[in-house]
Amino acid sequence: MSGRLDSTAFVSKVDEAWSMKESDLRPGVIQIAFEKLFGGGRGVEKFSTSGLRFVKLEGGAILVEQNPAKKSKWAQLANSGHKVAWVIRDRKYLARVIDGEVIMLN
């Protein structure tokens, strides 16, 4: 047998790599990103339009701070001194983090 990978094995490896990225979106990983986001750690970026800070996560997700200018209960919570952030991927909210407590939404 040659050292080449057949197409079935290749697809299996790609699926495995994707699942690994999906599974990296665990509460512990999100909490570490949350600490970076609000503690000023390395890897914190800002959106140029809104100025909101965010941290990139595996699998194309981001952890972004709550926009305090909004008129939601979450913005009110952020304005009252709580640290509120959201995990978002493909415009879907996957988790909410309030003062370090991760609530998975899906």
PDB file of N, CA and C in Angstrom:
ATOM      1  N   MET A   1       0.851  -1.188   0.000  1.00  0.00           N
ATOM      2  CA  MET A   1       0.000   0.000   0.000  1.00  0.00           C
ATOM      3  C   MET A   1       0.890   1.244   0.000  1.00  0.00           C
ATOM      4  N   SER A   2       0.522   2.232  -0.763  1.00  0.00           N
ATOM      5  CA  SER A   2       1.309   3.470  -0.854  1.00  0.00           C
ATOM      6  C   SER A   2       1.030   4.353   0.357  1.00  0.00           C
ATOM      7  N   GLY A   3       1.809   5.410   0.474  1.00  0.00           N
ATOM      8  CA  GLY A   3       1.658   6.342   1.583  1.00  0.00           C
ATOM      9  C   GLY A   3       0.520   7.329   1.367  1.00  0.00           C
ATOM     10  N   ARG A   4      -0.238   7.153   0.308  1.00  0.00           N
ATOM     11  CA  ARG A   4      -1.335   8.078   0.005  1.00  0.00           C
ATOM     12  C   ARG A   4      -2.555   7.761   0.857  1.00  0.00           C
ATOM     13  N   LEU A   5      -3.331   8.769   1.129  1.00  0.00           N
ATOM     14  CA  LEU A   5      -4.546   8.635   1.932  1.00  0.00           C
ATOM     15  C   LEU A   5      -5.733   8.519   0.985  1.00  0.00           C
ATOM     16  N   ASP A   6      -6.550   7.471   1.139  1.00  0.00           N
ATOM     17  CA  ASP A   6      -7.709   7.371   0.262  1.00  0.00           C
ATOM     18  C   ASP A   6      -8.749   8.418   0.662  1.00  0.00           C
ATOM     19  N   SER A   7      -9.706   8.695  -0.222  1.00  0.00           N
ATOM     20  CA  SER A   7     -10.658   9.787   0.002  1.00  0.00           C
ATOM     21  C   SER A   7     -11.527   9.560   1.235  1.00  0.00           C
ATOM     22  N   THR A   8     -11.897   8.335   1.534  1.00  0.00           N
ATOM     23  CA  THR A   8     -12.715   8.053   2.718  1.00  0.00           C
ATOM     24  C   THR A   8     -11.937   8.381   3.984  1.00  0.00           C
ATOM     25  N   ALA A   9     -10.680   7.984   4.037  1.00  0.00           N
ATOM     26  CA  ALA A   9      -9.847   8.271   5.200  1.00  0.00           C
ATOM     27  C   ALA A   9      -9.621   9.776   5.330  1.00  0.00           C
ATOM     28  N   PHE A  10      -9.461  10.465   4.201  1.00  0.00           N
ATOM     29  CA  PHE A  10      -9.261  11.907   4.216  1.00  0.00           C
ATOM     30  C   PHE A  10     -10.481  12.613   4.808  1.00  0.00           C
ATOM     31  N   VAL A  11     -11.666  12.247   4.332  1.00  0.00           N
ATOM     32  CA  VAL A  11     -12.900  12.854   4.838  1.00  0.00           C
ATOM     33  C   VAL A  11     -13.032  12.581   6.332  1.00  0.00           C
ATOM     34  N   SER A  12     -12.695  11.371   6.750  1.00  0.00           N
ATOM     35  CA  SER A  12     -12.754  11.011   8.161  1.00  0.00           C
ATOM     36  C   SER A  12     -11.818  11.893   8.988  1.00  0.00           C
ATOM     37  N   LYS A  13     -10.605  12.145   8.486  1.00  0.00           N
ATOM     38  CA  LYS A  13      -9.639  12.991   9.189  1.00  0.00           C
ATOM     39  C   LYS A  13     -10.136  14.431   9.271  1.00  0.00           C
ATOM     40  N   VAL A  14     -10.737  14.923   8.193  1.00  0.00           N
ATOM     41  CA  VAL A  14     -11.274  16.287   8.192  1.00  0.00           C
ATOM     42  C   VAL A  14     -12.408  16.390   9.206  1.00  0.00           C
ATOM     43  N   ASP A  15     -13.314  15.408   9.221  1.00  0.00           N
ATOM     44  CA  ASP A  15     -14.412  15.391  10.189  1.00  0.00           C
ATOM     45  C   ASP A  15     -13.880  15.357  11.610  1.00  0.00           C
ATOM     46  N   GLU A  16     -12.849  14.562  11.843  1.00  0.00           N
ATOM     47  CA  GLU A  16     -12.249  14.444  13.171  1.00  0.00           C
ATOM     48  C   GLU A  16     -11.649  15.783  13.604  1.00  0.00           C
ATOM     49  N   ALA A  17     -10.961  16.457  12.692  1.00  0.00           N
ATOM     50  CA  ALA A  17     -10.358  17.756  13.009  1.00  0.00           C
ATOM     51  C   ALA A  17     -11.446  18.777  13.321  1.00  0.00           C
ATOM     52  N   TRP A  18     -12.535  18.769  12.548  1.00  0.00           N
ATOM     53  CA  TRP A  18     -13.631  19.715  12.791  1.00  0.00           C
ATOM     54  C   TRP A  18     -14.264  19.452  14.148  1.00  0.00           C
ATOM     55  N   SER A  19     -14.500  18.164  14.487  1.00  0.00           N
ATOM     56  CA  SER A  19     -15.108  17.844  15.780  1.00  0.00           C
ATOM     57  C   SER A  19     -14.216  18.274  16.926  1.00  0.00           C
ATOM     58  N   MET A  20     -12.909  18.150  16.751  1.00  0.00           N
ATOM     59  CA  MET A  20     -11.992  18.565  17.800  1.00  0.00           C
ATOM     60  C   MET A  20     -12.146  20.062  18.048  1.00  0.00           C
ATOM     61  N   LYS A  21     -12.284  20.826  16.981  1.00  0.00           N
ATOM     62  CA  LYS A  21     -12.469  22.259  17.145  1.00  0.00           C
ATOM     63  C   LYS A  21     -13.795  22.543  17.831  1.00  0.00           C
ATOM     64  N   GLU A  22     -14.851  21.831  17.446  1.00  0.00           N
ATOM     65  CA  GLU A  22     -16.163  22.011  18.056  1.00  0.00           C
ATOM     66  C   GLU A  22     -16.091  21.697  19.548  1.00  0.00           C
ATOM     67  N   SER A  23     -15.417  20.620  19.909  1.00  0.00           N
ATOM     68  CA  SER A  23     -15.364  20.210  21.309  1.00  0.00           C
ATOM     69  C   SER A  23     -14.484  21.137  22.133  1.00  0.00           C
ATOM     70  N   ASP A  24     -13.637  21.937  21.487  1.00  0.00           N
ATOM     71  CA  ASP A  24     -12.809  22.880  22.217  1.00  0.00           C
ATOM     72  C   ASP A  24     -13.630  24.027  22.798  1.00  0.00           C
ATOM     73  N   LEU A  25     -14.882  24.118  22.411  1.00  0.00           N
ATOM     74  CA  LEU A  25     -15.756  25.173  22.901  1.00  0.00           C
ATOM     75  C   LEU A  25     -16.420  24.713  24.204  1.00  0.00           C
ATOM     76  N   ARG A  26     -15.587  24.415  25.178  1.00  0.00           N
ATOM     77  CA  ARG A  26     -16.044  23.951  26.487  1.00  0.00           C
ATOM     78  C   ARG A  26     -16.075  25.135  27.452  1.00  0.00           C
ATOM     79  N   PRO A  27     -16.879  25.029  28.522  1.00  0.00           N
ATOM     80  CA  PRO A  27     -16.946  26.128  29.490  1.00  0.00           C
ATOM     81  C   PRO A  27     -15.577  26.562  30.028  1.00  0.00           C
ATOM     82  N   GLY A  28     -14.670  25.619  30.291  1.00  0.00           N
ATOM     83  CA  GLY A  28     -13.349  25.981  30.807  1.00  0.00           C
ATOM     84  C   GLY A  28     -12.552  26.823  29.835  1.00  0.00           C
ATOM     85  N   VAL A  29     -12.635  26.485  28.558  1.00  0.00           N
ATOM     86  CA  VAL A  29     -11.935  27.247  27.513  1.00  0.00           C
ATOM     87  C   VAL A  29     -12.544  28.644  27.401  1.00  0.00           C
ATOM     88  N   ILE A  30     -13.863  28.711  27.495  1.00  0.00           N
ATOM     89  CA  ILE A  30     -14.555  30.005  27.421  1.00  0.00           C
ATOM     90  C   ILE A  30     -14.180  30.871  28.622  1.00  0.00           C
ATOM     91  N   GLN A  31     -14.083  30.283  29.804  1.00  0.00           N
ATOM     92  CA  GLN A  31     -13.708  31.046  31.001  1.00  0.00           C
ATOM     93  C   GLN A  31     -12.312  31.636  30.882  1.00  0.00           C
ATOM     94  N   ILE A  32     -11.386  30.884  30.306  1.00  0.00           N
ATOM     95  CA  ILE A  32     -10.025  31.402  30.106  1.00  0.00           C
ATOM     96  C   ILE A  32     -10.052  32.604  29.161  1.00  0.00           C
ATOM     97  N   ALA A  33     -10.826  32.487  28.070  1.00  0.00           N
ATOM     98  CA  ALA A  33     -10.959  33.600  27.123  1.00  0.00           C
ATOM     99  C   ALA A  33     -11.623  34.804  27.804  1.00  0.00           C
ATOM    100  N   PHE A  34     -12.593  34.538  28.679  1.00  0.00           N
ATOM    101  CA  PHE A  34     -13.281  35.597  29.422  1.00  0.00           C
ATOM    102  C   PHE A  34     -12.289  36.356  30.303  1.00  0.00           C
ATOM    103  N   GLU A  35     -11.415  35.610  30.970  1.00  0.00           N
ATOM    104  CA  GLU A  35     -10.391  36.245  31.810  1.00  0.00           C
ATOM    105  C   GLU A  35      -9.459  37.118  30.981  1.00  0.00           C
ATOM    106  N   LYS A  36      -9.097  36.635  29.789  1.00  0.00           N
ATOM    107  CA  LYS A  36      -8.272  37.447  28.876  1.00  0.00           C
ATOM    108  C   LYS A  36      -9.022  38.711  28.477  1.00  0.00           C
ATOM    109  N   LEU A  37     -10.292  38.530  28.077  1.00  0.00           N
ATOM    110  CA  LEU A  37     -11.101  39.644  27.566  1.00  0.00           C
ATOM    111  C   LEU A  37     -11.199  40.776  28.584  1.00  0.00           C
ATOM    112  N   PHE A  38     -11.480  40.437  29.827  1.00  0.00           N
ATOM    113  CA  PHE A  38     -11.677  41.465  30.843  1.00  0.00           C
ATOM    114  C   PHE A  38     -10.419  41.769  31.652  1.00  0.00           C
ATOM    115  N   GLY A  39      -9.382  40.950  31.477  1.00  0.00           N
ATOM    116  CA  GLY A  39      -8.137  41.191  32.204  1.00  0.00           C
ATOM    117  C   GLY A  39      -7.055  41.819  31.349  1.00  0.00           C
ATOM    118  N   GLY A  40      -7.351  42.016  30.065  1.00  0.00           N
ATOM    119  CA  GLY A  40      -6.385  42.653  29.181  1.00  0.00           C
ATOM    120  C   GLY A  40      -5.251  41.753  28.749  1.00  0.00           C
ATOM    121  N   GLY A  41      -5.511  40.458  28.668  1.00  0.00           N
ATOM    122  CA  GLY A  41      -4.479  39.515  28.245  1.00  0.00           C
ATOM    123  C   GLY A  41      -4.169  39.601  26.764  1.00  0.00           C
ATOM    124  N   ARG A  42      -3.151  38.837  26.355  1.00  0.00           N
ATOM    125  CA  ARG A  42      -2.788  38.789  24.935  1.00  0.00           C
ATOM    126  C   ARG A  42      -3.909  38.134  24.150  1.00  0.00           C
ATOM    127  N   GLY A  43      -4.062  38.553  22.901  1.00  0.00           N
ATOM    128  CA  GLY A  43      -5.067  37.960  22.039  1.00  0.00           C
ATOM    129  C   GLY A  43      -6.393  38.700  22.045  1.00  0.00           C
ATOM    130  N   VAL A  44      -6.475  39.799  22.801  1.00  0.00           N
ATOM    131  CA  VAL A  44      -7.706  40.594  22.812  1.00  0.00           C
ATOM    132  C   VAL A  44      -7.645  41.588  21.658  1.00  0.00           C
ATOM    133  N   GLU A  45      -8.688  41.575  20.848  1.00  0.00           N
ATOM    134  CA  GLU A  45      -8.764  42.485  19.702  1.00  0.00           C
ATOM    135  C   GLU A  45      -9.977  43.387  19.853  1.00  0.00           C
ATOM    136  N   LYS A  46     -10.061  44.406  18.991  1.00  0.00           N
ATOM    137  CA  LYS A  46     -11.208  45.324  18.995  1.00  0.00           C
ATOM    138  C   LYS A  46     -11.795  45.409  17.600  1.00  0.00           C
ATOM    139  N   PHE A  47     -13.126  45.453  17.550  1.00  0.00           N
ATOM    140  CA  PHE A  47     -13.788  45.715  16.276  1.00  0.00           C
ATOM    141  C   PHE A  47     -13.568  47.182  15.943  1.00  0.00           C
ATOM    142  N   SER A  48     -13.215  47.461  14.691  1.00  0.00           N
ATOM    143  CA  SER A  48     -12.906  48.845  14.322  1.00  0.00           C
ATOM    144  C   SER A  48     -14.149  49.735  14.335  1.00  0.00           C
ATOM    145  N   THR A  49     -15.312  49.172  14.036  1.00  0.00           N
ATOM    146  CA  THR A  49     -16.511  50.009  13.963  1.00  0.00           C
ATOM    147  C   THR A  49     -17.119  50.308  15.335  1.00  0.00           C
ATOM    148  N   SER A  50     -17.260  49.301  16.172  1.00  0.00           N
ATOM    149  CA  SER A  50     -17.924  49.484  17.469  1.00  0.00           C
ATOM    150  C   SER A  50     -16.949  49.716  18.617  1.00  0.00           C
ATOM    151  N   GLY A  51     -15.710  49.274  18.453  1.00  0.00           N
ATOM    152  CA  GLY A  51     -14.735  49.371  19.531  1.00  0.00           C
ATOM    153  C   GLY A  51     -14.888  48.279  20.579  1.00  0.00           C
ATOM    154  N   LEU A  52     -15.846  47.357  20.368  1.00  0.00           N
ATOM    155  CA  LEU A  52     -16.031  46.264  21.321  1.00  0.00           C
ATOM    156  C   LEU A  52     -14.850  45.314  21.250  1.00  0.00           C
ATOM    157  N   ARG A  53     -14.452  44.803  22.413  1.00  0.00           N
ATOM    158  CA  ARG A  53     -13.337  43.866  22.487  1.00  0.00           C
ATOM    159  C   ARG A  53     -13.836  42.443  22.269  1.00  0.00           C
ATOM    160  N   PHE A  54     -12.942  41.609  21.712  1.00  0.00           N
ATOM    161  CA  PHE A  54     -13.279  40.208  21.498  1.00  0.00           C
ATOM    162  C   PHE A  54     -12.030  39.350  21.521  1.00  0.00           C
ATOM    163  N   VAL A  55     -12.256  38.046  21.723  1.00  0.00           N
ATOM    164  CA  VAL A  55     -11.186  37.047  21.703  1.00  0.00           C
ATOM    165  C   VAL A  55     -11.632  35.952  20.743  1.00  0.00           C
ATOM    166  N   LYS A  56     -10.740  35.547  19.847  1.00  0.00           N
ATOM    167  CA  LYS A  56     -11.045  34.462  18.919  1.00  0.00           C
ATOM    168  C   LYS A  56     -10.951  33.124  19.640  1.00  0.00           C
ATOM    169  N   LEU A  57     -11.902  32.238  19.344  1.00  0.00           N
ATOM    170  CA  LEU A  57     -11.927  30.887  19.899  1.00  0.00           C
ATOM    171  C   LEU A  57     -11.791  29.887  18.757  1.00  0.00           C
ATOM    172  N   GLU A  58     -11.628  28.622  19.088  1.00  0.00           N
ATOM    173  CA  GLU A  58     -11.513  27.570  18.074  1.00  0.00           C
ATOM    174  C   GLU A  58     -12.818  27.425  17.289  1.00  0.00           C
ATOM    175  N   GLY A  59     -12.692  26.906  16.100  1.00  0.00           N
ATOM    176  CA  GLY A  59     -13.868  26.604  15.285  1.00  0.00           C
ATOM    177  C   GLY A  59     -14.582  27.817  14.735  1.00  0.00           C
ATOM    178  N   GLY A  60     -13.902  28.960  14.677  1.00  0.00           N
ATOM    179  CA  GLY A  60     -14.500  30.155  14.091  1.00  0.00           C
ATOM    180  C   GLY A  60     -15.405  30.936  15.032  1.00  0.00           C
ATOM    181  N   ALA A  61     -15.418  30.595  16.302  1.00  0.00           N
ATOM    182  CA  ALA A  61     -16.244  31.316  17.281  1.00  0.00           C
ATOM    183  C   ALA A  61     -15.438  32.478  17.868  1.00  0.00           C
ATOM    184  N   ILE A  62     -16.160  33.438  18.430  1.00  0.00           N
ATOM    185  CA  ILE A  62     -15.524  34.541  19.155  1.00  0.00           C
ATOM    186  C   ILE A  62     -16.259  34.758  20.469  1.00  0.00           C
ATOM    187  N   LEU A  63     -15.544  35.302  21.432  1.00  0.00           N
ATOM    188  CA  LEU A  63     -16.130  35.756  22.688  1.00  0.00           C
ATOM    189  C   LEU A  63     -16.077  37.272  22.631  1.00  0.00           C
ATOM    190  N   VAL A  64     -17.230  37.918  22.650  1.00  0.00           N
ATOM    191  CA  VAL A  64     -17.290  39.375  22.513  1.00  0.00           C
ATOM    192  C   VAL A  64     -18.007  39.977  23.723  1.00  0.00           C
ATOM    193  N   GLU A  65     -17.470  41.106  24.182  1.00  0.00           N
ATOM    194  CA  GLU A  65     -18.082  41.767  25.331  1.00  0.00           C
ATOM    195  C   GLU A  65     -19.448  42.329  24.954  1.00  0.00           C
ATOM    196  N   GLN A  66     -20.319  42.435  25.943  1.00  0.00           N
ATOM    197  CA  GLN A  66     -21.647  43.009  25.738  1.00  0.00           C
ATOM    198  C   GLN A  66     -21.509  44.478  25.370  1.00  0.00           C
ATOM    199  N   ASN A  67     -22.268  44.908  24.383  1.00  0.00           N
ATOM    200  CA  ASN A  67     -22.296  46.313  23.997  1.00  0.00           C
ATOM    201  C   ASN A  67     -23.121  47.075  25.038  1.00  0.00           C
ATOM    202  N   PRO A  68     -22.492  47.955  25.820  1.00  0.00           N
ATOM    203  CA  PRO A  68     -23.224  48.668  26.871  1.00  0.00           C
ATOM    204  C   PRO A  68     -24.174  49.739  26.338  1.00  0.00           C
ATOM    205  N   ALA A  69     -24.057  50.066  25.056  1.00  0.00           N
ATOM    206  CA  ALA A  69     -24.916  51.091  24.465  1.00  0.00           C
ATOM    207  C   ALA A  69     -26.291  50.540  24.062  1.00  0.00           C
ATOM    208  N   LYS A  70     -26.461  49.242  24.099  1.00  0.00           N
ATOM    209  CA  LYS A  70     -27.745  48.640  23.731  1.00  0.00           C
ATOM    210  C   LYS A  70     -28.773  48.876  24.835  1.00  0.00           C
ATOM    211  N   LYS A  71     -30.024  48.552  24.544  1.00  0.00           N
ATOM    212  CA  LYS A  71     -31.089  48.757  25.528  1.00  0.00           C
ATOM    213  C   LYS A  71     -31.658  47.425  26.011  1.00  0.00           C
ATOM    214  N   SER A  72     -30.791  46.447  26.189  1.00  0.00           N
ATOM    215  CA  SER A  72     -31.225  45.129  26.649  1.00  0.00           C
ATOM    216  C   SER A  72     -30.961  44.986  28.144  1.00  0.00           C
ATOM    217  N   LYS A  73     -31.535  43.954  28.742  1.00  0.00           N
ATOM    218  CA  LYS A  73     -31.248  43.704  30.155  1.00  0.00           C
ATOM    219  C   LYS A  73     -29.784  43.345  30.356  1.00  0.00           C
ATOM    220  N   TRP A  74     -29.142  42.764  29.316  1.00  0.00           N
ATOM    221  CA  TRP A  74     -27.732  42.387  29.410  1.00  0.00           C
ATOM    222  C   TRP A  74     -26.852  43.631  29.408  1.00  0.00           C
ATOM    223  N   ALA A  75     -27.234  44.638  28.619  1.00  0.00           N
ATOM    224  CA  ALA A  75     -26.494  45.903  28.603  1.00  0.00           C
ATOM    225  C   ALA A  75     -26.664  46.627  29.936  1.00  0.00           C
ATOM    226  N   GLN A  76     -27.870  46.583  30.490  1.00  0.00           N
ATOM    227  CA  GLN A  76     -28.098  47.197  31.806  1.00  0.00           C
ATOM    228  C   GLN A  76     -27.236  46.518  32.864  1.00  0.00           C
ATOM    229  N   LEU A  77     -27.134  45.185  32.763  1.00  0.00           N
ATOM    230  CA  LEU A  77     -26.301  44.432  33.696  1.00  0.00           C
ATOM    231  C   LEU A  77     -24.835  44.854  33.558  1.00  0.00           C
ATOM    232  N   ALA A  78     -24.372  44.991  32.313  1.00  0.00           N
ATOM    233  CA  ALA A  78     -22.989  45.423  32.062  1.00  0.00           C
ATOM    234  C   ALA A  78     -22.767  46.842  32.584  1.00  0.00           C
ATOM    235  N   ASN A  79     -23.741  47.695  32.399  1.00  0.00           N
ATOM    236  CA  ASN A  79     -23.615  49.080  32.875  1.00  0.00           C
ATOM    237  C   ASN A  79     -23.644  49.183  34.394  1.00  0.00           C
ATOM    238  N   SER A  80     -24.182  48.166  35.058  1.00  0.00           N
ATOM    239  CA  SER A  80     -24.226  48.203  36.521  1.00  0.00           C
ATOM    240  C   SER A  80     -22.981  47.561  37.144  1.00  0.00           C
ATOM    241  N   GLY A  81     -21.970  47.262  36.307  1.00  0.00           N
ATOM    242  CA  GLY A  81     -20.699  46.775  36.830  1.00  0.00           C
ATOM    243  C   GLY A  81     -20.429  45.293  36.625  1.00  0.00           C
ATOM    244  N   HIS A  82     -21.380  44.558  36.052  1.00  0.00           N
ATOM    245  CA  HIS A  82     -21.151  43.133  35.787  1.00  0.00           C
ATOM    246  C   HIS A  82     -20.390  42.972  34.475  1.00  0.00           C
ATOM    247  N   LYS A  83     -19.650  41.885  34.371  1.00  0.00           N
ATOM    248  CA  LYS A  83     -18.912  41.583  33.150  1.00  0.00           C
ATOM    249  C   LYS A  83     -19.744  40.581  32.351  1.00  0.00           C
ATOM    250  N   VAL A  84     -20.200  41.010  31.180  1.00  0.00           N
ATOM    251  CA  VAL A  84     -21.092  40.200  30.347  1.00  0.00           C
ATOM    252  C   VAL A  84     -20.455  40.031  28.972  1.00  0.00           C
ATOM    253  N   ALA A  85     -20.438  38.789  28.485  1.00  0.00           N
ATOM    254  CA  ALA A  85     -19.877  38.510  27.159  1.00  0.00           C
ATOM    255  C   ALA A  85     -20.674  37.383  26.512  1.00  0.00           C
ATOM    256  N   TRP A  86     -20.495  37.247  25.220  1.00  0.00           N
ATOM    257  CA  TRP A  86     -21.228  36.275  24.417  1.00  0.00           C
ATOM    258  C   TRP A  86     -20.281  35.483  23.533  1.00  0.00           C
ATOM    259  N   VAL A  87     -20.532  34.182  23.398  1.00  0.00           N
ATOM    260  CA  VAL A  87     -19.814  33.360  22.421  1.00  0.00           C
ATOM    261  C   VAL A  87     -20.706  33.301  21.192  1.00  0.00           C
ATOM    262  N   ILE A  88     -20.134  33.707  20.051  1.00  0.00           N
ATOM    263  CA  ILE A  88     -20.895  33.795  18.800  1.00  0.00           C
ATOM    264  C   ILE A  88     -20.123  33.081  17.701  1.00  0.00           C
ATOM    265  N   ARG A  89     -20.859  32.355  16.861  1.00  0.00           N
ATOM    266  CA  ARG A  89     -20.283  31.767  15.655  1.00  0.00           C
ATOM    267  C   ARG A  89     -21.368  31.780  14.591  1.00  0.00           C
ATOM    268  N   ASP A  90     -21.015  32.230  13.410  1.00  0.00           N
ATOM    269  CA  ASP A  90     -21.960  32.286  12.292  1.00  0.00           C
ATOM    270  C   ASP A  90     -23.250  33.002  12.688  1.00  0.00           C
ATOM    271  N   ARG A  91     -23.113  34.102  13.399  1.00  0.00           N
ATOM    272  CA  ARG A  91     -24.243  34.930  13.847  1.00  0.00           C
ATOM    273  C   ARG A  91     -25.198  34.220  14.800  1.00  0.00           C
ATOM    274  N   LYS A  92     -24.738  33.136  15.398  1.00  0.00           N
ATOM    275  CA  LYS A  92     -25.548  32.412  16.380  1.00  0.00           C
ATOM    276  C   LYS A  92     -24.900  32.555  17.749  1.00  0.00           C
ATOM    277  N   TYR A  93     -25.718  32.805  18.752  1.00  0.00           N
ATOM    278  CA  TYR A  93     -25.243  32.915  20.124  1.00  0.00           C
ATOM    279  C   TYR A  93     -25.163  31.515  20.721  1.00  0.00           C
ATOM    280  N   LEU A  94     -23.959  31.106  21.100  1.00  0.00           N
ATOM    281  CA  LEU A  94     -23.736  29.761  21.619  1.00  0.00           C
ATOM    282  C   LEU A  94     -23.647  29.720  23.141  1.00  0.00           C
ATOM    283  N   ALA A  95     -23.206  30.817  23.751  1.00  0.00           N
ATOM    284  CA  ALA A  95     -23.076  30.858  25.208  1.00  0.00           C
ATOM    285  C   ALA A  95     -23.097  32.305  25.680  1.00  0.00           C
ATOM    286  N   ARG A  96     -23.534  32.463  26.926  1.00  0.00           N
ATOM    287  CA  ARG A  96     -23.524  33.765  27.596  1.00  0.00           C
ATOM    288  C   ARG A  96     -22.627  33.590  28.821  1.00  0.00           C
ATOM    289  N   VAL A  97     -21.811  34.602  29.104  1.00  0.00           N
ATOM    290  CA  VAL A  97     -20.928  34.547  30.265  1.00  0.00           C
ATOM    291  C   VAL A  97     -21.175  35.797  31.099  1.00  0.00           C
ATOM    292  N   ILE A  98     -21.552  35.575  32.354  1.00  0.00           N
ATOM    293  CA  ILE A  98     -21.798  36.696  33.269  1.00  0.00           C
ATOM    294  C   ILE A  98     -20.889  36.501  34.475  1.00  0.00           C
ATOM    295  N   ASP A  99     -19.987  37.460  34.655  1.00  0.00           N
ATOM    296  CA  ASP A  99     -19.039  37.421  35.775  1.00  0.00           C
ATOM    297  C   ASP A  99     -18.320  36.079  35.872  1.00  0.00           C
ATOM    298  N   GLY A 100     -17.981  35.505  34.725  1.00  0.00           N
ATOM    299  CA  GLY A 100     -17.221  34.258  34.677  1.00  0.00           C
ATOM    300  C   GLY A 100     -18.049  32.993  34.652  1.00  0.00           C
ATOM    301  N   GLU A 101     -19.370  33.087  34.855  1.00  0.00           N
ATOM    302  CA  GLU A 101     -20.235  31.904  34.808  1.00  0.00           C
ATOM    303  C   GLU A 101     -20.717  31.681  33.374  1.00  0.00           C
ATOM    304  N   VAL A 102     -20.384  30.523  32.829  1.00  0.00           N
ATOM    305  CA  VAL A 102     -20.718  30.193  31.443  1.00  0.00           C
ATOM    306  C   VAL A 102     -22.067  29.487  31.387  1.00  0.00           C
ATOM    307  N   ILE A 103     -22.963  30.015  30.559  1.00  0.00           N
ATOM    308  CA  ILE A 103     -24.259  29.373  30.320  1.00  0.00           C
ATOM    309  C   ILE A 103     -24.295  29.003  28.835  1.00  0.00           C
ATOM    310  N   MET A 104     -24.228  27.704  28.533  1.00  0.00           N
ATOM    311  CA  MET A 104     -24.289  27.252  27.137  1.00  0.00           C
ATOM    312  C   MET A 104     -25.726  27.393  26.654  1.00  0.00           C
ATOM    313  N   LEU A 105     -25.929  27.968  25.481  1.00  0.00           N
ATOM    314  CA  LEU A 105     -27.262  28.230  24.970  1.00  0.00           C
ATOM    315  C   LEU A 105     -27.768  27.156  24.021  1.00  0.00           C
ATOM    316  N   ASN A 106     -26.885  26.363  23.470  1.00  0.00           N
ATOM    317  CA  ASN A 106     -27.318  25.301  22.542  1.00  0.00           C
ATOM    318  C   ASN A 106     -26.934  23.945  23.057  1.00  0.00           C
TER     319      ASN A 106
END
